[in-house]
Protein backbone atom coordinates (compact mmCIF):
# COMPACT_ATOMS: atom_id res chain seq x y z
CA MET A 1 -26.26 -12.49 6.62
CA PHE A 2 -25.93 -10.57 9.78
CA LYS A 3 -26.25 -6.93 9.11
CA LYS A 4 -22.94 -4.26 9.55
CA LYS A 5 -23.65 -2.49 12.62
CA ILE A 6 -24.95 -5.85 14.21
CA ALA A 7 -22.45 -8.55 13.13
CA PHE A 8 -19.22 -6.23 13.42
CA LEU A 9 -19.89 -4.44 17.25
CA CYS A 10 -19.89 -5.81 20.68
CA ILE A 11 -23.53 -3.97 21.46
CA SER A 12 -24.09 -6.17 24.40
CA LEU A 13 -23.51 -4.80 28.29
CA PHE A 14 -21.23 -7.74 28.79
CA PHE A 15 -19.95 -7.87 25.77
CA TYR A 16 -21.48 -10.47 24.31
CA ALA A 17 -18.99 -12.69 21.62
CA CYS A 18 -16.24 -10.28 22.25
CA GLY A 19 -15.14 -10.86 25.87
CA ASN A 20 -14.24 -8.32 28.13
CA THR A 21 -10.35 -9.08 28.31
CA GLU A 22 -7.54 -8.38 26.52
CA ASN A 23 -6.75 -11.27 24.33
CA LYS A 24 -4.00 -13.58 25.01
CA THR A 25 -4.58 -16.03 22.28
CA ASN A 26 -1.15 -15.56 20.12
CA ASP A 27 1.37 -13.71 23.45
CA CYS A 28 4.84 -15.69 22.76
CA LYS A 29 3.48 -18.43 20.22
CA ASN A 30 6.18 -20.48 19.20
CA LYS A 31 8.77 -19.59 21.69
CA ILE A 32 11.69 -20.74 21.44
CA ASP A 33 14.78 -21.24 23.10
CA VAL A 34 17.97 -18.82 21.94
CA SER A 35 20.10 -18.03 24.70
CA ASN A 36 22.86 -20.05 23.44
CA ILE A 37 22.87 -17.84 20.17
CA LYS A 38 25.40 -15.47 20.32
CA ILE A 39 24.83 -11.70 18.35
CA LYS A 40 26.99 -8.71 18.75
CA THR A 41 24.85 -5.15 18.83
CA GLU A 42 26.04 -2.04 17.66
CA VAL A 43 24.09 1.23 18.71
CA ILE A 44 25.47 5.04 17.38
CA ARG A 45 24.22 8.24 18.81
CA PHE A 46 24.35 10.06 15.42
CA GLU A 47 22.23 12.89 17.42
CA LYS A 48 24.46 13.46 20.28
CA GLU A 49 28.30 14.18 17.68
CA LEU A 50 25.92 16.22 15.23
CA PHE A 51 24.50 18.31 18.14
CA ALA A 52 27.88 18.79 19.72
CA GLN A 53 29.43 19.98 16.57
CA LYS A 54 28.09 23.76 14.98
CA ASP A 55 30.27 24.84 11.97
CA SER A 56 29.73 23.04 8.72
CA ASN A 57 33.43 22.04 8.36
CA ALA A 58 32.57 19.63 11.58
CA ILE A 59 29.86 18.04 10.01
CA GLN A 60 31.61 17.52 6.66
CA ASN A 61 33.43 15.23 9.69
CA ILE A 62 31.05 13.54 10.74
CA LEU A 63 29.64 12.09 7.37
CA LYS A 64 32.66 11.15 6.31
CA LYS A 65 33.34 9.65 9.42
CA TYR A 66 29.29 7.69 8.78
CA PRO A 67 29.59 7.29 5.18
CA LEU A 68 26.43 4.96 5.21
CA MET A 69 23.97 7.64 6.93
CA ARG A 70 25.19 10.30 4.64
CA ASP A 71 25.41 7.69 1.22
CA ARG A 72 21.06 5.71 2.05
CA PHE A 73 19.95 7.68 5.01
CA PHE A 74 20.13 11.44 3.24
CA GLY A 75 20.63 9.38 0.14
CA ILE A 76 23.03 11.31 -1.07
CA LYS A 77 24.81 8.20 -3.13
CA PHE A 78 21.24 8.19 -5.37
CA SER A 79 21.89 11.93 -6.18
CA LYS A 80 22.75 12.63 -9.54
CA ASP A 81 24.50 15.91 -8.79
CA SER A 82 26.11 14.38 -5.35
CA LEU A 83 28.65 16.83 -4.00
CA LYS A 84 25.70 19.74 -4.51
CA GLU A 85 23.29 17.85 -2.86
CA GLU A 86 25.89 16.88 0.38
CA LYS A 87 26.76 20.77 0.21
CA LYS A 88 23.18 21.07 0.33
CA LEU A 89 22.74 18.06 3.13
CA ILE A 90 25.70 19.64 5.37
CA ALA A 91 24.32 23.09 5.04
CA SER A 92 20.82 21.62 6.31
CA LEU A 93 22.23 20.19 9.46
CA THR A 94 24.79 23.01 10.23
CA LYS A 95 21.34 25.10 10.17
CA MET A 96 19.34 22.26 12.60
CA VAL A 97 21.64 22.55 15.10
CA ASN A 98 22.11 25.75 15.59
CA GLU A 99 18.09 26.39 15.38
CA LYS A 100 17.10 27.88 19.10
CA HIS A 101 14.51 25.48 19.49
CA LEU A 102 15.48 22.09 17.46
CA ASP A 103 18.28 22.14 21.15
CA THR A 104 14.47 21.58 22.73
CA LEU A 105 13.85 18.73 20.26
CA TYR A 106 17.07 16.99 21.23
CA ASN A 107 16.80 17.63 24.84
CA ASP A 108 12.79 16.22 24.65
CA CYS A 109 14.35 13.29 22.85
CA GLN A 110 18.07 12.67 25.80
CA LYS A 111 15.64 12.51 28.31
CA ALA A 112 12.74 10.50 26.58
CA PHE A 113 15.48 7.45 25.36
CA GLY A 114 18.12 8.23 27.74
CA ASP A 115 20.94 5.28 26.62
CA PHE A 116 18.72 3.85 24.60
CA LYS A 117 19.15 0.23 26.47
CA GLU A 118 15.92 -0.95 26.55
CA ILE A 119 15.43 -0.87 23.01
CA GLU A 120 18.33 -1.73 22.11
CA ASN A 121 18.48 -4.97 24.31
CA GLU A 122 14.77 -5.38 22.31
CA PHE A 123 16.01 -5.47 19.03
CA ALA A 124 19.37 -8.05 20.49
CA GLU A 125 16.94 -10.14 20.98
CA ALA A 126 15.08 -10.00 17.88
CA PHE A 127 18.02 -10.38 16.46
CA LYS A 128 18.40 -13.87 18.22
CA HIS A 129 15.20 -15.01 17.30
CA ILE A 130 15.76 -14.31 13.42
CA LYS A 131 19.58 -15.81 13.22
CA TYR A 132 17.15 -18.35 14.56
CA TYR A 133 15.52 -18.98 11.52
CA PHE A 134 18.44 -17.86 9.05
CA PRO A 135 21.74 -18.25 10.49
CA ASN A 136 23.41 -15.99 8.13
CA PHE A 137 21.75 -12.94 9.39
CA LYS A 138 24.13 -10.05 9.78
CA THR A 139 23.25 -7.76 12.78
CA PRO A 140 23.09 -4.44 11.11
CA THR A 141 24.30 -1.26 13.14
CA ILE A 142 21.62 0.89 14.99
CA TYR A 143 22.16 4.26 14.64
CA THR A 144 20.10 7.34 16.00
CA THR A 145 19.54 10.30 14.69
CA ILE A 146 16.94 13.59 15.25
CA THR A 147 15.94 15.20 11.34
CA GLY A 148 13.59 18.09 12.71
CA LEU A 149 10.74 15.47 11.72
CA LYS A 150 12.43 15.47 8.28
CA SER A 151 13.01 19.60 7.90
CA PHE A 152 16.30 18.89 7.54
CA GLY A 153 16.83 15.88 5.51
CA GLY A 154 16.43 12.04 6.01
CA LEU A 155 13.83 10.11 7.05
CA GLU A 156 11.76 8.83 10.51
CA PHE A 157 13.58 5.37 10.45
CA TYR A 158 15.52 3.87 7.55
CA VAL A 159 16.15 -0.19 7.12
CA ASP A 160 18.57 -2.35 5.04
CA LYS A 161 20.38 -5.40 5.74
CA ASP A 162 23.55 -3.08 6.53
CA MET A 163 21.85 -0.07 9.06
CA ILE A 164 18.78 0.93 10.65
CA VAL A 165 18.03 4.44 11.77
CA ILE A 166 15.50 6.23 14.10
CA SER A 167 14.90 9.29 14.47
CA LEU A 168 14.03 9.47 17.73
CA GLU A 169 12.10 12.54 18.17
CA PHE A 170 8.97 10.00 15.96
CA PHE A 171 8.77 8.07 18.41
CA LEU A 172 7.76 11.00 21.59
CA GLY A 173 4.78 9.44 22.04
CA LYS A 174 1.69 11.60 22.24
CA ASN A 175 2.25 14.20 24.06
CA VAL A 176 4.97 16.42 22.23
CA ARG A 177 6.09 19.73 21.35
CA TYR A 178 6.06 19.28 18.23
CA ARG A 179 4.87 17.06 15.92
CA PRO A 180 4.83 16.77 12.14
CA ARG A 181 2.32 18.42 10.09
CA ARG A 182 -1.27 16.47 10.05
CA GLU A 183 -1.72 16.80 6.20
CA GLU A 184 1.27 13.97 6.44
CA TYR A 185 0.81 12.07 9.86
CA PRO A 186 -3.46 12.32 10.73
CA ASP A 187 -3.84 11.10 14.30
CA TYR A 188 -4.77 8.00 12.64
CA ILE A 189 -1.48 7.41 11.89
CA TRP A 190 0.30 9.34 14.35
CA GLN A 191 -0.83 7.78 17.10
CA HIS A 192 1.24 4.97 16.47
CA TYR A 193 4.44 6.86 16.82
CA HIS A 194 5.50 5.45 20.50
CA GLN A 195 8.77 3.71 21.94
CA LYS A 196 6.76 0.32 22.03
CA SER A 197 6.31 0.99 18.04
CA ILE A 198 10.02 1.53 16.82
CA VAL A 199 11.05 -2.11 17.24
CA PRO A 200 7.99 -3.66 15.33
CA PHE A 201 8.22 -0.73 12.68
CA CYS A 202 11.55 -2.05 12.11
CA LEU A 203 11.01 -5.40 11.84
CA LEU A 204 8.10 -5.38 9.26
CA PHE A 205 10.76 -3.77 6.83
CA MET A 206 13.66 -6.27 7.87
CA ALA A 207 11.11 -8.67 6.61
CA ASN A 208 11.05 -7.44 3.26
CA GLY A 209 14.82 -9.64 2.92
CA TYR A 210 13.39 -12.19 3.78
CA ASN A 211 9.61 -12.42 2.30
CA ARG A 212 9.81 -13.52 -1.73
CA SER A 213 7.00 -12.65 -3.72
CA ASP A 214 5.92 -13.00 -7.27
CA LEU A 215 5.90 -9.22 -8.49
CA ASN A 216 3.72 -10.46 -11.91
CA ASP A 217 1.15 -11.23 -9.16
CA LYS A 218 -0.88 -8.11 -8.95
CA SER A 219 -4.20 -9.64 -6.96
CA MET A 220 -5.24 -8.61 -4.01
CA VAL A 221 -4.36 -12.25 -2.19
CA ALA A 222 -1.10 -12.17 -3.34
CA ASP A 223 -0.47 -8.87 -1.66
CA MET A 224 -2.30 -10.23 1.50
CA VAL A 225 -0.03 -13.06 1.86
CA PHE A 226 2.83 -10.49 1.65
CA TYR A 227 1.86 -8.93 4.64
CA GLY A 228 0.98 -12.24 6.27
CA LYS A 229 4.19 -13.59 6.09
CA SER A 230 5.65 -10.08 6.88
CA LEU A 231 3.40 -10.68 9.87
CA GLU A 232 4.64 -13.52 11.01
CA PHE A 233 7.85 -13.25 10.64
CA VAL A 234 7.77 -10.12 13.28
CA LYS A 235 5.68 -12.31 15.47
CA ARG A 236 8.66 -14.91 15.65
CA ALA A 237 11.33 -12.66 15.47
CA VAL A 238 9.13 -11.46 18.92
CA PRO A 239 7.10 -14.21 19.98
CA CYS A 240 5.77 -12.20 23.09
CA MET A 241 5.18 -8.89 21.66
CA PRO A 242 0.77 -8.11 21.66
CA ASP A 243 -0.69 -8.67 19.18
CA SER A 244 -1.96 -5.27 19.45
CA LEU A 245 0.54 -4.34 19.57
CA LEU A 246 2.04 -5.94 15.80
CA LEU A 247 -1.64 -5.01 14.17
CA ARG A 248 -1.66 -1.60 15.28
CA TYR A 249 -4.78 -2.35 16.59
CA SER A 250 -7.09 -1.49 19.98
CA GLN A 251 -7.39 -4.39 22.09
CA GLN A 252 -11.10 -3.93 21.45
CA GLN A 253 -10.57 -3.94 17.83
CA ILE A 254 -8.78 -7.33 18.61
CA ARG A 255 -11.56 -8.84 20.34
CA ASN A 256 -13.65 -7.70 17.53
CA ILE A 257 -11.88 -9.58 15.15
CA ASN A 258 -11.22 -12.36 17.32
CA ASP A 259 -15.10 -13.25 17.51
CA GLN A 260 -15.73 -15.35 14.79
CA LYS A 261 -19.08 -14.21 13.95
CA ASN A 262 -17.54 -10.28 13.08
CA ARG A 263 -14.18 -12.66 11.73
CA SER A 264 -17.03 -14.69 9.22
CA PHE A 265 -18.70 -11.77 8.28
CA LEU A 266 -15.68 -9.63 7.26
CA TRP A 267 -14.29 -12.52 5.29
CA ASN A 268 -18.19 -13.16 3.45
CA HIS A 269 -17.86 -9.42 2.47
CA PHE A 270 -14.24 -10.36 0.90
CA LEU A 271 -16.25 -12.94 -1.19
CA GLU A 272 -19.30 -11.37 -1.52
CA LYS A 273 -17.33 -8.02 -3.44
CA LYS A 274 -14.83 -10.57 -5.58
CA LEU A 275 -12.38 -8.99 -3.44
CA LEU A 276 -9.46 -11.80 -3.73
CA PHE A 277 -8.35 -11.64 -6.34
CA SER A 278 -9.53 -8.04 -7.60
CA ASN A 279 -6.49 -6.21 -9.38
CA LYS A 280 -7.52 -3.08 -8.69
CA ASP A 281 -5.40 -0.62 -7.01
CA LEU A 282 -8.52 1.38 -5.15
CA ASP A 283 -9.62 -2.49 -3.77
CA LYS A 284 -5.91 -2.71 -2.25
CA LYS A 285 -6.11 0.92 -0.88
CA ALA A 286 -9.10 0.34 0.62
CA TYR A 287 -8.17 -2.33 2.62
CA LEU A 288 -5.08 -3.00 2.94
CA GLU A 289 -3.71 0.37 3.07
CA ASP A 290 -3.75 2.81 6.52
CA ARG A 291 -7.09 4.26 7.08
CA PRO A 292 -9.14 5.55 9.62
CA TYR A 293 -11.50 2.38 9.44
CA ILE A 294 -12.69 0.60 6.11
CA ALA A 295 -15.78 3.09 4.79
CA GLU A 296 -16.66 -0.13 2.47
CA ILE A 297 -17.83 -2.39 5.58
CA ASN A 298 -18.72 0.07 8.30
CA LYS A 299 -16.61 2.76 10.78
CA GLU A 300 -15.82 0.10 13.09
CA CYS A 301 -14.15 -1.99 11.17
CA PRO A 302 -10.54 -1.81 11.28
CA PRO A 303 -7.77 -0.83 8.47
CA ARG A 304 -5.76 -3.01 7.26
CA ILE A 305 -7.89 -6.09 7.81
CA GLY A 306 -6.44 -7.33 4.23
CA GLN A 307 -3.05 -7.54 6.03
CA TRP A 308 -4.48 -8.88 8.67
CA PHE A 309 -6.18 -11.78 6.41
CA GLY A 310 -3.01 -12.58 5.03
CA TRP A 311 -2.16 -13.85 8.37
CA ARG A 312 -4.58 -15.62 9.36
CA ILE A 313 -4.34 -17.52 6.02
CA ILE A 314 -0.43 -17.93 6.94
CA GLN A 315 -1.79 -19.67 10.31
CA ASN A 316 -4.17 -21.09 8.44
CA TYR A 317 -1.38 -22.66 6.04
CA LEU A 318 1.73 -23.60 8.82
CA GLN A 319 -0.91 -25.82 10.53
CA LYS A 320 -2.10 -27.74 7.26
CA ASN A 321 1.18 -28.46 6.27
CA LYS A 322 3.90 -29.32 9.00
CA ASP A 323 6.26 -30.43 6.34
CA VAL A 324 6.43 -26.33 5.33
CA ASN A 325 9.20 -24.45 7.97
CA PHE A 326 8.75 -21.20 8.45
CA GLN A 327 12.48 -19.95 6.14
CA LYS A 328 10.79 -22.10 3.42
CA LEU A 329 7.52 -20.28 3.76
CA MET A 330 9.62 -17.49 3.29
CA LYS A 331 11.07 -18.69 0.25
CA ASN A 332 8.09 -19.27 -1.10
CA GLN A 333 6.49 -16.90 -3.94
CA ASN A 334 3.55 -18.49 -5.34
CA ALA A 335 0.69 -16.28 -3.41
CA GLN A 336 -1.87 -18.42 -4.61
CA GLU A 337 -0.75 -21.96 -3.40
CA ILE A 338 0.00 -20.35 -0.19
CA PHE A 339 -3.13 -19.82 -0.22
CA GLU A 340 -5.22 -22.81 -1.43
CA LYS A 341 -3.26 -24.78 0.93
CA ALA A 342 -3.93 -22.72 3.39
CA GLY A 343 -8.06 -23.37 2.89
CA TYR A 344 -8.73 -20.54 4.66
CA ASN A 345 -12.43 -19.98 4.83
CA GLY A 346 -12.39 -17.03 7.35
CA GLN A 347 -11.99 -19.59 10.74
């Protein structure tokens, strides 16, 4: 058994075993030709229409024009007293568009995102790949908006089969004038919010529409397999997306986990602690959710390492079961079967 600090850190001056160049082994994996697949993307700049108005009647008309934004993004449809809640929403949005400091935030977003064409094209390419694997896929409408960092209702982003909504101010990057409260978005989470993260964030949520799972299986490995399938979905939608962007890991963290000695050490930790079949919420929270690092291992271990191992299990499964295509994998609810047939052992 390697000692924790020795096994996981690249301590040599020459980065012994981890290498000193960016890992490219998985980039562009499963790249396919989608040039003949036709899709139509629609982007609605909701924030432009909203900030062009200053009175409540005009804002009420905008909400009537875009009922999906009103009902789903702002949650009016799910309210017990929708009329009362809609009045509150109209008052809140009216206050927002008349707030002096929000003009600055609005202008920052318009300057940073321009006509939104670059991100629209990224979505379009991803949608083509999804349609290749799932021919019945219907292209969702993309809405951009501003919520005053959720101070005036809404979310940082929202995804379902019909629509994708992006609150632009959440994705301006590190050097911003305004940011959410650190208690809600600490630095280790906030650092992942930038323009390049918009598409992978949304695609991870889109994967939920295709990723079948057995809700009665509460084991760690069931969650790992679920996350692994979702990561594979995103990678297939954007084959050339760097693993560092997909996983939200630094290049150094990617090099570390791709070193076989480190990987074996981490996998042995899961085995020795009997984590794979643990049903404990605290275990799953520790190894699957966001945090600065995994303290149960050491400060150098990146967060969500269980998700990454889930992806490794899925990759192994697909390599060893050539008769199973990607669509069939996503439909398979039996995580235990997938894990057993993957034969993964820390490779």
